[in-house]
Amino acid sequence: MSLSTERNPECRPGGACEFQENLSALRQVDFFSSLPMEALKVFAYLCARESYHAGEYLFHQNDVEGKAFCILDGELRLLLPAEGGEVQATLYKAGDFLGGLSLLGDVRRLFSLKAETDAVCLVLTREKFKKTLDQFPGVMPRLLEAVAERVLAWENQFIHDHADLCAHCHARLGASLV
C-alpha cells in the first residue's frame, strides 16, 4: 500500500478520509502495529500532518523536542555533525517512522534531520502520546516490546552486515542487552 498523500477529491482536509489515511499509515508502523484498534484510532486522530520544504530541518542535533515522524511522502536525510559541516547519512522515505524513543522520554537528538525533498509527515508529540497512554495503560508494554524488537533487529543486522568487525567495533556491540 502506498502512503502517498494523493487525496480523494471528495475528502476535506482534517476530515474522515484524512483520519483513515492516518490510521492506515500508523497500522503499518512496527511501533504501533500491535496496539489495540481503540488506542491506534486515538493516535491517528492526534497526529498532525506537517509539510516540509526541501532543505528545511525537522530537528537539529541536541534538540529535545519530543516528536516522532511517520513519513507519508518525500525523503528525509539524517545528518551527522562533522568538522566543517555535516556528513549525509541515512535517507528515509515514505513509510519510515522516526523518533519513537522521543515519545517515551526526554531524548536528546544525536543527529539532525533535514528534508531532502518536499515532504509530508504525520507528527505525534510526547504530550499527546502520554495523554493517550493515560487512557490506555495496557499499551505501554506492547510499545516497549516493539522498541526492544527494533533494537535487537538493528543490532542483528549490523552484525550480519559487518561480520568482519574490527576490535573497536566489537567493543561497542551490546545495545540489545540494555
N, C-alpha and C. Protein backbone atom coordinates (compact mmCIF):
# COMPACT_ATOMS: atom_id res chain seq x y z
N MET A 1 0.83 -1.18 0.00
CA MET A 1 0.00 0.00 0.00
C MET A 1 0.87 1.24 0.00
N SER A 2 0.56 2.20 -0.83
CA SER A 2 1.31 3.43 -0.90
C SER A 2 0.87 4.40 0.19
N LEU A 3 1.82 5.09 0.76
CA LEU A 3 1.50 6.11 1.75
C LEU A 3 1.50 7.48 1.10
N SER A 4 1.26 7.53 -0.18
CA SER A 4 1.24 8.79 -0.90
C SER A 4 0.18 9.72 -0.33
N THR A 5 0.42 11.00 -0.50
CA THR A 5 -0.53 11.97 0.01
C THR A 5 -1.56 12.37 -1.04
N GLU A 6 -1.62 11.65 -2.16
CA GLU A 6 -2.67 11.94 -3.12
C GLU A 6 -4.00 11.75 -2.43
N ARG A 7 -4.89 12.69 -2.62
CA ARG A 7 -6.12 12.73 -1.86
C ARG A 7 -7.32 12.42 -2.74
N ASN A 8 -8.33 11.89 -2.11
CA ASN A 8 -9.62 11.71 -2.74
C ASN A 8 -10.23 13.10 -2.85
N PRO A 9 -10.67 13.53 -4.05
CA PRO A 9 -11.21 14.88 -4.20
C PRO A 9 -12.44 15.13 -3.34
N GLU A 10 -13.12 14.08 -2.88
CA GLU A 10 -14.30 14.25 -2.03
C GLU A 10 -13.93 14.45 -0.57
N CYS A 11 -12.66 14.32 -0.22
CA CYS A 11 -12.22 14.48 1.17
C CYS A 11 -11.81 15.92 1.43
N ARG A 12 -12.16 16.42 2.59
CA ARG A 12 -11.73 17.74 3.02
C ARG A 12 -10.56 17.58 3.98
N PRO A 13 -9.61 18.52 3.98
CA PRO A 13 -8.51 18.44 4.95
C PRO A 13 -9.04 18.32 6.38
N GLY A 14 -8.45 17.40 7.13
CA GLY A 14 -8.86 17.18 8.51
C GLY A 14 -10.11 16.34 8.66
N GLY A 15 -10.65 15.86 7.56
CA GLY A 15 -11.89 15.10 7.61
C GLY A 15 -11.68 13.61 7.81
N ALA A 16 -12.77 12.83 7.60
CA ALA A 16 -12.75 11.40 7.85
C ALA A 16 -11.73 10.68 6.98
N CYS A 17 -11.58 11.12 5.73
CA CYS A 17 -10.61 10.45 4.85
C CYS A 17 -9.19 10.61 5.38
N GLU A 18 -8.86 11.81 5.87
CA GLU A 18 -7.53 12.04 6.42
C GLU A 18 -7.31 11.16 7.65
N PHE A 19 -8.33 11.05 8.49
CA PHE A 19 -8.23 10.18 9.67
C PHE A 19 -7.96 8.75 9.23
N GLN A 20 -8.68 8.25 8.23
CA GLN A 20 -8.49 6.87 7.75
C GLN A 20 -7.10 6.69 7.17
N GLU A 21 -6.60 7.70 6.46
CA GLU A 21 -5.24 7.62 5.92
C GLU A 21 -4.21 7.59 7.05
N ASN A 22 -4.42 8.41 8.09
CA ASN A 22 -3.52 8.41 9.24
C ASN A 22 -3.53 7.05 9.92
N LEU A 23 -4.73 6.50 10.12
CA LEU A 23 -4.87 5.19 10.76
C LEU A 23 -4.18 4.11 9.95
N SER A 24 -4.37 4.14 8.65
CA SER A 24 -3.74 3.15 7.78
C SER A 24 -2.21 3.26 7.84
N ALA A 25 -1.70 4.49 7.84
CA ALA A 25 -0.24 4.69 7.90
C ALA A 25 0.31 4.17 9.23
N LEU A 26 -0.35 4.47 10.34
CA LEU A 26 0.15 4.02 11.65
C LEU A 26 0.08 2.51 11.80
N ARG A 27 -0.91 1.88 11.19
CA ARG A 27 -1.03 0.42 11.28
C ARG A 27 0.14 -0.28 10.62
N GLN A 28 0.82 0.41 9.70
CA GLN A 28 1.96 -0.18 9.00
C GLN A 28 3.29 0.05 9.73
N VAL A 29 3.26 0.85 10.81
CA VAL A 29 4.46 1.16 11.57
C VAL A 29 4.61 0.14 12.70
N ASP A 30 5.77 -0.54 12.75
CA ASP A 30 6.00 -1.56 13.79
C ASP A 30 5.73 -1.04 15.19
N PHE A 31 6.10 0.19 15.45
CA PHE A 31 5.94 0.78 16.78
C PHE A 31 4.48 0.74 17.23
N PHE A 32 3.54 0.90 16.29
CA PHE A 32 2.12 0.98 16.61
C PHE A 32 1.32 -0.26 16.20
N SER A 33 1.84 -1.09 15.34
CA SER A 33 1.05 -2.13 14.68
C SER A 33 0.41 -3.15 15.62
N SER A 34 0.97 -3.39 16.80
CA SER A 34 0.40 -4.40 17.70
C SER A 34 -0.58 -3.80 18.72
N LEU A 35 -0.85 -2.51 18.60
CA LEU A 35 -1.72 -1.86 19.57
C LEU A 35 -3.19 -2.15 19.30
N PRO A 36 -4.01 -2.12 20.34
CA PRO A 36 -5.46 -2.29 20.14
C PRO A 36 -6.00 -1.17 19.24
N MET A 37 -7.00 -1.49 18.46
CA MET A 37 -7.54 -0.54 17.49
C MET A 37 -8.02 0.76 18.16
N GLU A 38 -8.59 0.67 19.36
CA GLU A 38 -9.10 1.86 20.03
C GLU A 38 -7.96 2.86 20.30
N ALA A 39 -6.84 2.37 20.78
CA ALA A 39 -5.69 3.23 21.04
C ALA A 39 -5.10 3.76 19.74
N LEU A 40 -5.02 2.91 18.75
CA LEU A 40 -4.48 3.32 17.45
C LEU A 40 -5.31 4.44 16.84
N LYS A 41 -6.62 4.36 16.99
CA LYS A 41 -7.51 5.40 16.47
C LYS A 41 -7.25 6.74 17.16
N VAL A 42 -7.00 6.71 18.46
CA VAL A 42 -6.71 7.95 19.18
C VAL A 42 -5.40 8.55 18.67
N PHE A 43 -4.38 7.72 18.49
CA PHE A 43 -3.11 8.22 17.96
C PHE A 43 -3.31 8.81 16.56
N ALA A 44 -4.08 8.13 15.72
CA ALA A 44 -4.33 8.61 14.36
C ALA A 44 -5.04 9.96 14.38
N TYR A 45 -5.93 10.13 15.32
CA TYR A 45 -6.67 11.39 15.45
C TYR A 45 -5.74 12.52 15.95
N LEU A 46 -4.84 12.20 16.86
CA LEU A 46 -3.98 13.21 17.48
C LEU A 46 -2.77 13.61 16.64
N CYS A 47 -2.42 12.79 15.66
CA CYS A 47 -1.29 13.15 14.79
C CYS A 47 -1.63 14.38 13.97
N ALA A 48 -0.64 15.21 13.78
CA ALA A 48 -0.79 16.37 12.90
C ALA A 48 -0.01 16.11 11.62
N ARG A 49 -0.57 16.51 10.50
CA ARG A 49 0.15 16.44 9.24
C ARG A 49 0.95 17.72 9.09
N GLU A 50 2.24 17.56 8.86
CA GLU A 50 3.10 18.72 8.68
C GLU A 50 3.87 18.58 7.38
N SER A 51 3.97 19.67 6.65
CA SER A 51 4.69 19.71 5.39
C SER A 51 6.03 20.41 5.59
N TYR A 52 7.04 19.90 4.91
CA TYR A 52 8.38 20.45 5.00
C TYR A 52 8.90 20.67 3.58
N HIS A 53 9.58 21.79 3.39
CA HIS A 53 10.18 22.08 2.09
C HIS A 53 11.58 21.49 2.03
N ALA A 54 12.02 21.13 0.83
CA ALA A 54 13.37 20.62 0.64
C ALA A 54 14.36 21.59 1.28
N GLY A 55 15.28 21.05 2.08
CA GLY A 55 16.28 21.87 2.75
C GLY A 55 15.89 22.30 4.16
N GLU A 56 14.64 22.11 4.53
CA GLU A 56 14.16 22.51 5.87
C GLU A 56 14.53 21.44 6.90
N TYR A 57 14.96 21.88 8.07
CA TYR A 57 15.30 20.96 9.16
C TYR A 57 14.06 20.63 9.98
N LEU A 58 13.89 19.34 10.30
CA LEU A 58 12.81 18.92 11.18
C LEU A 58 13.28 19.02 12.63
N PHE A 59 14.56 18.73 12.85
CA PHE A 59 15.19 18.95 14.14
C PHE A 59 16.70 19.00 13.94
N HIS A 60 17.37 19.52 14.97
CA HIS A 60 18.83 19.63 14.94
C HIS A 60 19.44 18.78 16.04
N GLN A 61 20.72 18.48 15.86
CA GLN A 61 21.46 17.76 16.90
C GLN A 61 21.30 18.49 18.23
N ASN A 62 21.11 17.72 19.29
CA ASN A 62 20.96 18.19 20.67
C ASN A 62 19.56 18.72 21.00
N ASP A 63 18.65 18.79 20.02
CA ASP A 63 17.26 19.17 20.32
C ASP A 63 16.62 18.11 21.20
N VAL A 64 15.69 18.52 22.04
CA VAL A 64 14.87 17.62 22.85
C VAL A 64 13.43 18.10 22.67
N GLU A 65 12.88 17.88 21.48
CA GLU A 65 11.57 18.44 21.16
C GLU A 65 10.43 17.45 21.35
N GLY A 66 10.70 16.18 21.53
CA GLY A 66 9.65 15.21 21.84
C GLY A 66 8.67 14.97 20.72
N LYS A 67 9.15 14.73 19.52
CA LYS A 67 8.27 14.46 18.38
C LYS A 67 8.72 13.20 17.65
N ALA A 68 7.74 12.47 17.14
CA ALA A 68 8.01 11.32 16.27
C ALA A 68 7.37 11.62 14.92
N PHE A 69 7.96 11.07 13.86
CA PHE A 69 7.56 11.37 12.50
C PHE A 69 7.30 10.09 11.71
N CYS A 70 6.17 10.03 11.07
CA CYS A 70 5.87 8.96 10.11
C CYS A 70 5.82 9.64 8.75
N ILE A 71 6.74 9.27 7.88
CA ILE A 71 6.85 9.93 6.58
C ILE A 71 5.75 9.40 5.66
N LEU A 72 4.92 10.32 5.17
CA LEU A 72 3.86 9.96 4.22
C LEU A 72 4.32 10.16 2.78
N ASP A 73 5.13 11.19 2.57
CA ASP A 73 5.57 11.49 1.22
C ASP A 73 6.90 12.24 1.31
N GLY A 74 7.78 12.00 0.36
CA GLY A 74 9.05 12.70 0.32
C GLY A 74 10.18 11.91 0.96
N GLU A 75 11.33 12.57 1.08
CA GLU A 75 12.52 11.93 1.64
C GLU A 75 13.17 12.85 2.66
N LEU A 76 13.64 12.25 3.75
CA LEU A 76 14.33 12.97 4.82
C LEU A 76 15.72 12.38 4.97
N ARG A 77 16.69 13.25 5.24
CA ARG A 77 18.08 12.82 5.35
C ARG A 77 18.58 13.04 6.78
N LEU A 78 19.18 11.98 7.33
CA LEU A 78 19.84 12.07 8.63
C LEU A 78 21.22 12.64 8.40
N LEU A 79 21.61 13.61 9.21
CA LEU A 79 22.90 14.28 9.05
C LEU A 79 23.71 14.16 10.33
N LEU A 80 24.97 13.86 10.18
CA LEU A 80 25.89 13.76 11.31
C LEU A 80 26.79 14.98 11.31
N PRO A 81 26.94 15.61 12.46
CA PRO A 81 27.85 16.77 12.50
C PRO A 81 29.29 16.33 12.27
N ALA A 82 30.03 17.15 11.58
CA ALA A 82 31.45 16.87 11.31
C ALA A 82 32.18 18.20 11.21
N GLU A 83 33.49 18.13 11.33
CA GLU A 83 34.28 19.35 11.19
C GLU A 83 34.00 19.96 9.83
N GLY A 84 33.65 21.22 9.83
CA GLY A 84 33.41 21.92 8.58
C GLY A 84 32.04 21.68 7.99
N GLY A 85 31.12 21.08 8.70
CA GLY A 85 29.78 20.90 8.16
C GLY A 85 29.09 19.65 8.67
N GLU A 86 28.41 19.00 7.76
CA GLU A 86 27.64 17.80 8.11
C GLU A 86 27.94 16.68 7.11
N VAL A 87 27.85 15.45 7.59
CA VAL A 87 28.00 14.28 6.74
C VAL A 87 26.62 13.69 6.52
N GLN A 88 26.29 13.45 5.26
CA GLN A 88 25.00 12.85 4.95
C GLN A 88 25.01 11.38 5.34
N ALA A 89 23.98 10.97 6.05
CA ALA A 89 23.85 9.57 6.47
C ALA A 89 22.59 8.98 5.85
N THR A 90 21.82 8.29 6.62
CA THR A 90 20.67 7.54 6.14
C THR A 90 19.63 8.43 5.46
N LEU A 91 19.07 7.90 4.38
CA LEU A 91 17.96 8.55 3.68
C LEU A 91 16.69 7.79 4.02
N TYR A 92 15.69 8.49 4.54
CA TYR A 92 14.40 7.88 4.90
C TYR A 92 13.36 8.30 3.89
N LYS A 93 12.37 7.41 3.68
CA LYS A 93 11.34 7.68 2.67
C LYS A 93 9.96 7.31 3.21
N ALA A 94 8.95 7.47 2.36
CA ALA A 94 7.57 7.20 2.75
C ALA A 94 7.46 5.83 3.41
N GLY A 95 6.76 5.79 4.53
CA GLY A 95 6.57 4.56 5.28
C GLY A 95 7.52 4.42 6.46
N ASP A 96 8.60 5.20 6.48
CA ASP A 96 9.55 5.12 7.59
C ASP A 96 9.03 5.90 8.79
N PHE A 97 9.36 5.40 9.98
CA PHE A 97 8.96 6.01 11.24
C PHE A 97 10.22 6.36 12.02
N LEU A 98 10.31 7.61 12.47
CA LEU A 98 11.48 8.10 13.17
C LEU A 98 11.08 8.77 14.48
N GLY A 99 11.86 8.55 15.52
CA GLY A 99 11.68 9.31 16.74
C GLY A 99 10.83 8.67 17.82
N GLY A 100 10.57 7.38 17.71
CA GLY A 100 9.74 6.71 18.71
C GLY A 100 10.27 6.84 20.12
N LEU A 101 11.59 6.81 20.28
CA LEU A 101 12.17 6.95 21.62
C LEU A 101 11.86 8.30 22.25
N SER A 102 11.74 9.33 21.43
CA SER A 102 11.45 10.66 21.97
C SER A 102 10.04 10.75 22.54
N LEU A 103 9.18 9.81 22.19
CA LEU A 103 7.84 9.76 22.77
C LEU A 103 7.88 9.19 24.19
N LEU A 104 8.89 8.38 24.45
CA LEU A 104 8.99 7.69 25.74
C LEU A 104 9.69 8.52 26.81
N GLY A 105 10.46 9.50 26.41
CA GLY A 105 11.18 10.32 27.38
C GLY A 105 11.96 11.43 26.71
N ASP A 106 12.61 12.25 27.52
CA ASP A 106 13.41 13.36 27.00
C ASP A 106 14.68 12.80 26.35
N VAL A 107 14.63 12.65 25.05
CA VAL A 107 15.76 12.10 24.30
C VAL A 107 16.42 13.21 23.51
N ARG A 108 17.68 13.44 23.79
CA ARG A 108 18.47 14.44 23.07
C ARG A 108 18.84 13.85 21.71
N ARG A 109 18.56 14.59 20.66
CA ARG A 109 18.86 14.12 19.31
C ARG A 109 20.36 14.06 19.08
N LEU A 110 20.84 12.95 18.58
CA LEU A 110 22.27 12.79 18.28
C LEU A 110 22.61 13.26 16.88
N PHE A 111 21.57 13.48 16.06
CA PHE A 111 21.73 13.83 14.66
C PHE A 111 20.83 15.02 14.34
N SER A 112 20.91 15.48 13.12
CA SER A 112 19.95 16.43 12.58
C SER A 112 19.15 15.70 11.51
N LEU A 113 17.94 16.17 11.27
CA LEU A 113 17.08 15.58 10.23
C LEU A 113 16.60 16.70 9.33
N LYS A 114 16.84 16.51 8.03
CA LYS A 114 16.56 17.56 7.06
C LYS A 114 15.75 16.98 5.90
N ALA A 115 14.80 17.76 5.40
CA ALA A 115 14.02 17.33 4.24
C ALA A 115 14.91 17.36 3.00
N GLU A 116 15.08 16.21 2.40
CA GLU A 116 15.87 16.09 1.15
C GLU A 116 15.03 16.60 -0.02
N THR A 117 13.73 16.30 0.03
CA THR A 117 12.75 16.76 -0.94
C THR A 117 11.59 17.37 -0.15
N ASP A 118 10.65 17.96 -0.84
CA ASP A 118 9.43 18.35 -0.13
C ASP A 118 8.85 17.09 0.49
N ALA A 119 8.36 17.21 1.71
CA ALA A 119 7.90 16.02 2.43
C ALA A 119 6.66 16.34 3.27
N VAL A 120 5.88 15.29 3.52
CA VAL A 120 4.72 15.38 4.41
C VAL A 120 4.86 14.26 5.43
N CYS A 121 4.69 14.61 6.71
CA CYS A 121 4.81 13.64 7.80
C CYS A 121 3.62 13.72 8.73
N LEU A 122 3.29 12.58 9.32
CA LEU A 122 2.42 12.58 10.49
C LEU A 122 3.35 12.84 11.67
N VAL A 123 2.98 13.78 12.52
CA VAL A 123 3.81 14.14 13.66
C VAL A 123 3.00 13.92 14.93
N LEU A 124 3.60 13.17 15.85
CA LEU A 124 2.98 12.92 17.15
C LEU A 124 3.90 13.48 18.22
N THR A 125 3.35 14.29 19.13
CA THR A 125 4.15 14.88 20.19
C THR A 125 4.11 13.98 21.43
N ARG A 126 5.13 14.13 22.26
CA ARG A 126 5.21 13.36 23.51
C ARG A 126 4.00 13.68 24.41
N GLU A 127 3.60 14.93 24.44
CA GLU A 127 2.47 15.34 25.28
C GLU A 127 1.20 14.59 24.89
N LYS A 128 0.89 14.54 23.61
CA LYS A 128 -0.31 13.83 23.14
C LYS A 128 -0.15 12.33 23.33
N PHE A 129 1.05 11.84 23.13
CA PHE A 129 1.34 10.42 23.31
C PHE A 129 1.07 10.02 24.76
N LYS A 130 1.58 10.80 25.71
CA LYS A 130 1.41 10.47 27.13
C LYS A 130 -0.04 10.56 27.56
N LYS A 131 -0.78 11.52 27.04
CA LYS A 131 -2.21 11.63 27.37
C LYS A 131 -2.96 10.39 26.90
N THR A 132 -2.58 9.88 25.75
CA THR A 132 -3.23 8.66 25.23
C THR A 132 -2.86 7.46 26.10
N LEU A 133 -1.61 7.39 26.53
CA LEU A 133 -1.20 6.28 27.41
C LEU A 133 -1.97 6.30 28.72
N ASP A 134 -2.32 7.48 29.20
CA ASP A 134 -3.13 7.57 30.42
C ASP A 134 -4.49 6.91 30.22
N GLN A 135 -5.03 7.02 29.01
CA GLN A 135 -6.33 6.41 28.69
C GLN A 135 -6.21 4.91 28.45
N PHE A 136 -5.04 4.47 27.98
CA PHE A 136 -4.81 3.06 27.62
C PHE A 136 -3.52 2.56 28.28
N PRO A 137 -3.51 2.36 29.59
CA PRO A 137 -2.27 1.97 30.28
C PRO A 137 -1.71 0.62 29.83
N GLY A 138 -2.51 -0.25 29.29
CA GLY A 138 -2.04 -1.56 28.84
C GLY A 138 -1.23 -1.50 27.55
N VAL A 139 -1.17 -0.34 26.94
CA VAL A 139 -0.45 -0.17 25.67
C VAL A 139 1.06 -0.12 25.88
N MET A 140 1.51 0.42 27.01
CA MET A 140 2.95 0.63 27.23
C MET A 140 3.77 -0.65 27.10
N PRO A 141 3.36 -1.79 27.67
CA PRO A 141 4.18 -3.00 27.48
C PRO A 141 4.34 -3.38 26.01
N ARG A 142 3.31 -3.18 25.21
CA ARG A 142 3.41 -3.50 23.78
C ARG A 142 4.37 -2.56 23.07
N LEU A 143 4.34 -1.29 23.45
CA LEU A 143 5.26 -0.33 22.84
C LEU A 143 6.71 -0.63 23.21
N LEU A 144 6.94 -0.96 24.48
CA LEU A 144 8.30 -1.30 24.90
C LEU A 144 8.79 -2.55 24.19
N GLU A 145 7.91 -3.51 23.98
CA GLU A 145 8.29 -4.71 23.24
C GLU A 145 8.66 -4.36 21.80
N ALA A 146 7.91 -3.45 21.17
CA ALA A 146 8.22 -3.03 19.80
C ALA A 146 9.58 -2.34 19.74
N VAL A 147 9.88 -1.51 20.74
CA VAL A 147 11.19 -0.84 20.78
C VAL A 147 12.30 -1.87 20.95
N ALA A 148 12.10 -2.80 21.87
CA ALA A 148 13.11 -3.84 22.10
C ALA A 148 13.35 -4.66 20.83
N GLU A 149 12.29 -5.02 20.13
CA GLU A 149 12.43 -5.80 18.90
C GLU A 149 13.19 -5.01 17.85
N ARG A 150 12.95 -3.70 17.77
CA ARG A 150 13.63 -2.88 16.78
C ARG A 150 15.12 -2.77 17.08
N VAL A 151 15.47 -2.58 18.37
CA VAL A 151 16.88 -2.50 18.76
C VAL A 151 17.58 -3.83 18.46
N LEU A 152 16.94 -4.93 18.80
CA LEU A 152 17.50 -6.25 18.53
C LEU A 152 17.69 -6.48 17.03
N ALA A 153 16.69 -6.12 16.25
CA ALA A 153 16.78 -6.29 14.80
C ALA A 153 17.92 -5.43 14.22
N TRP A 154 18.05 -4.19 14.74
CA TRP A 154 19.12 -3.32 14.25
C TRP A 154 20.48 -3.93 14.55
N GLU A 155 20.67 -4.38 15.79
CA GLU A 155 21.98 -4.92 16.16
C GLU A 155 22.27 -6.20 15.39
N ASN A 156 21.28 -7.04 15.21
CA ASN A 156 21.45 -8.28 14.45
C ASN A 156 21.85 -7.96 13.00
N GLN A 157 21.19 -6.97 12.40
CA GLN A 157 21.53 -6.59 11.02
C GLN A 157 22.93 -6.00 10.95
N PHE A 158 23.30 -5.22 11.94
CA PHE A 158 24.64 -4.64 11.99
C PHE A 158 25.70 -5.73 12.03
N ILE A 159 25.47 -6.74 12.88
CA ILE A 159 26.42 -7.86 12.98
C ILE A 159 26.50 -8.60 11.65
N HIS A 160 25.35 -8.84 11.03
CA HIS A 160 25.30 -9.54 9.75
C HIS A 160 26.03 -8.75 8.66
N ASP A 161 25.78 -7.44 8.61
CA ASP A 161 26.39 -6.60 7.57
C ASP A 161 27.89 -6.40 7.78
N HIS A 162 28.34 -6.54 9.04
CA HIS A 162 29.74 -6.27 9.36
C HIS A 162 30.35 -7.45 10.11
N ALA A 163 30.23 -8.62 9.51
CA ALA A 163 30.71 -9.85 10.15
C ALA A 163 32.20 -9.78 10.49
N ASP A 164 32.93 -9.02 9.73
CA ASP A 164 34.37 -8.91 9.97
C ASP A 164 34.70 -7.62 10.75
N LEU A 165 33.97 -7.39 11.80
CA LEU A 165 34.13 -6.18 12.60
C LEU A 165 35.54 -6.06 13.19
N CYS A 166 35.97 -4.83 13.28
CA CYS A 166 37.25 -4.57 13.94
C CYS A 166 37.08 -4.71 15.45
N ALA A 167 38.17 -4.80 16.17
CA ALA A 167 38.12 -4.96 17.62
C ALA A 167 37.40 -3.78 18.28
N HIS A 168 37.60 -2.59 17.76
CA HIS A 168 36.92 -1.41 18.30
C HIS A 168 35.40 -1.55 18.16
N CYS A 169 34.95 -2.07 17.01
CA CYS A 169 33.51 -2.26 16.78
C CYS A 169 32.96 -3.34 17.70
N HIS A 170 33.71 -4.42 17.88
CA HIS A 170 33.26 -5.49 18.79
C HIS A 170 33.01 -4.95 20.18
N ALA A 171 33.86 -4.05 20.64
CA ALA A 171 33.72 -3.50 21.98
C ALA A 171 32.48 -2.63 22.13
N ARG A 172 31.91 -2.19 21.02
CA ARG A 172 30.74 -1.33 21.06
C ARG A 172 29.43 -2.08 20.90
N LEU A 173 29.47 -3.36 20.62
CA LEU A 173 28.25 -4.15 20.48
C LEU A 173 27.60 -4.36 21.84
N GLY A 174 26.29 -4.65 21.83
CA GLY A 174 25.59 -4.96 23.06
C GLY A 174 24.42 -4.03 23.32
N ALA A 175 24.05 -3.21 22.36
CA ALA A 175 22.90 -2.30 22.55
C ALA A 175 21.64 -3.11 22.90
N SER A 176 21.50 -4.30 22.35
CA SER A 176 20.31 -5.12 22.61
C SER A 176 20.32 -5.72 24.02
N LEU A 177 21.41 -5.53 24.75
CA LEU A 177 21.48 -6.05 26.13
C LEU A 177 21.03 -5.00 27.16
N VAL A 178 20.74 -3.79 26.72
CA VAL A 178 20.33 -2.71 27.63
C VAL A 178 19.11 -3.14 28.41
